[in-house]
């Protein structure tokens, strides 16, 4: 910047706000828990406990069905338009 003439130099930057410890230090993380040991293993034929959360479906089957239905509809439409 010192090689530029004074009229070509950018304007001076404003001073930065002072930093405080609360702005810099992150709060401590919660303790780590081992979720795999929280519930005893159940036999395969036993029903899951009522208080255990059920895993939600991914929706992959619904997406596949919607895409498949769309492809079938496009193929039928193409065959109808091509036959005329």
Protein backbone atom coordinates (compact mmCIF):
# COMPACT_ATOMS: atom_id res chain seq x y z
CA UNK A 1 0.00 0.00 0.00
CA UNK A 2 2.90 2.32 0.53
CA UNK A 3 3.84 2.12 -3.15
CA UNK A 4 0.53 3.72 -4.19
CA UNK A 5 0.22 7.49 -4.24
CA UNK A 6 -1.93 8.88 -1.38
CA UNK A 7 -4.83 9.83 -3.69
CA UNK A 8 -5.02 6.18 -4.97
CA UNK A 9 -5.04 4.51 -1.56
CA UNK A 10 -8.36 3.24 -0.16
CA UNK A 11 -9.95 5.09 2.75
CA UNK A 12 -8.92 4.10 6.25
CA UNK A 13 -10.89 1.28 7.85
CA UNK A 14 -13.04 1.94 10.90
CA UNK A 15 -11.67 0.54 14.16
CA UNK A 16 -13.01 -2.88 15.03
CA UNK A 17 -15.28 -3.22 18.06
CA UNK A 18 -13.48 -4.50 21.15
CA UNK A 19 -13.88 -8.22 21.75
CA UNK A 20 -15.25 -9.49 25.03
CA UNK A 21 -14.72 -12.93 26.55
CA UNK A 22 -18.42 -13.78 26.11
CA UNK A 23 -18.06 -13.22 22.36
CA UNK A 24 -15.01 -15.44 22.03
CA UNK A 25 -15.41 -18.37 24.42
CA UNK A 26 -17.95 -21.05 23.52
CA UNK A 27 -20.03 -22.64 26.28
CA UNK A 28 -18.90 -26.11 27.36
CA UNK A 29 -20.35 -29.09 25.52
CA UNK A 30 -22.74 -31.46 27.31
CA UNK A 31 -21.23 -34.68 28.64
CA UNK A 32 -20.99 -37.62 26.27
CA UNK A 33 -23.40 -40.48 26.89
CA UNK A 34 -23.29 -43.99 25.49
CA UNK A 35 -26.72 -44.48 23.91
CA UNK A 36 -26.02 -48.09 22.93
CA UNK A 37 -25.94 -49.19 26.58
CA UNK A 38 -29.02 -47.26 27.70
CA UNK A 39 -31.55 -49.98 26.80
CA UNK A 40 -31.07 -53.71 27.36
CA UNK A 41 -31.14 -55.81 24.19
CA UNK A 42 -34.47 -57.44 23.37
CA UNK A 43 -35.07 -60.80 21.73
CA UNK A 44 -36.06 -60.68 18.06
CA UNK A 45 -39.60 -61.94 18.69
CA UNK A 46 -40.33 -59.51 21.55
CA UNK A 47 -42.30 -56.37 20.85
CA UNK A 48 -40.43 -53.09 21.37
CA UNK A 49 -41.05 -51.25 24.60
CA UNK A 50 -43.83 -48.67 24.54
CA UNK A 51 -41.51 -45.89 25.67
CA UNK A 52 -38.83 -46.55 23.04
CA UNK A 53 -39.09 -44.26 20.01
CA UNK A 54 -39.99 -45.93 16.73
CA UNK A 55 -37.69 -45.19 13.80
CA UNK A 56 -39.33 -43.12 11.13
CA UNK A 57 -39.46 -44.40 7.57
CA UNK A 58 -37.18 -42.87 5.00
CA UNK A 59 -39.85 -42.42 2.37
CA UNK A 60 -37.73 -44.19 -0.22
CA UNK A 61 -40.57 -46.51 -1.23
CA UNK A 62 -42.97 -43.63 -1.72
CA UNK A 63 -40.43 -41.75 -3.81
CA UNK A 64 -39.73 -44.82 -5.91
CA UNK A 65 -43.46 -45.40 -6.42
CA UNK A 66 -44.01 -41.78 -7.47
CA UNK A 67 -41.09 -41.87 -9.90
CA UNK A 68 -42.18 -45.23 -11.31
CA UNK A 69 -45.74 -44.02 -11.80
CA UNK A 70 -44.47 -40.90 -13.56
CA UNK A 71 -42.28 -42.95 -15.91
CA UNK A 72 -45.19 -45.28 -16.74
CA UNK A 73 -47.48 -42.31 -17.43
CA UNK A 74 -44.89 -40.72 -19.73
CA UNK A 75 -44.38 -43.97 -21.62
CA UNK A 76 -48.14 -44.43 -22.11
CA UNK A 77 -48.48 -40.86 -23.30
CA UNK A 78 -45.54 -41.26 -25.68
CA UNK A 79 -47.04 -44.46 -27.10
CA UNK A 80 -50.43 -42.75 -27.59
CA UNK A 81 -48.90 -39.74 -29.32
CA UNK A 82 -46.62 -41.88 -31.48
CA UNK A 83 -49.45 -44.12 -32.69
CA UNK A 84 -51.31 -41.17 -34.31
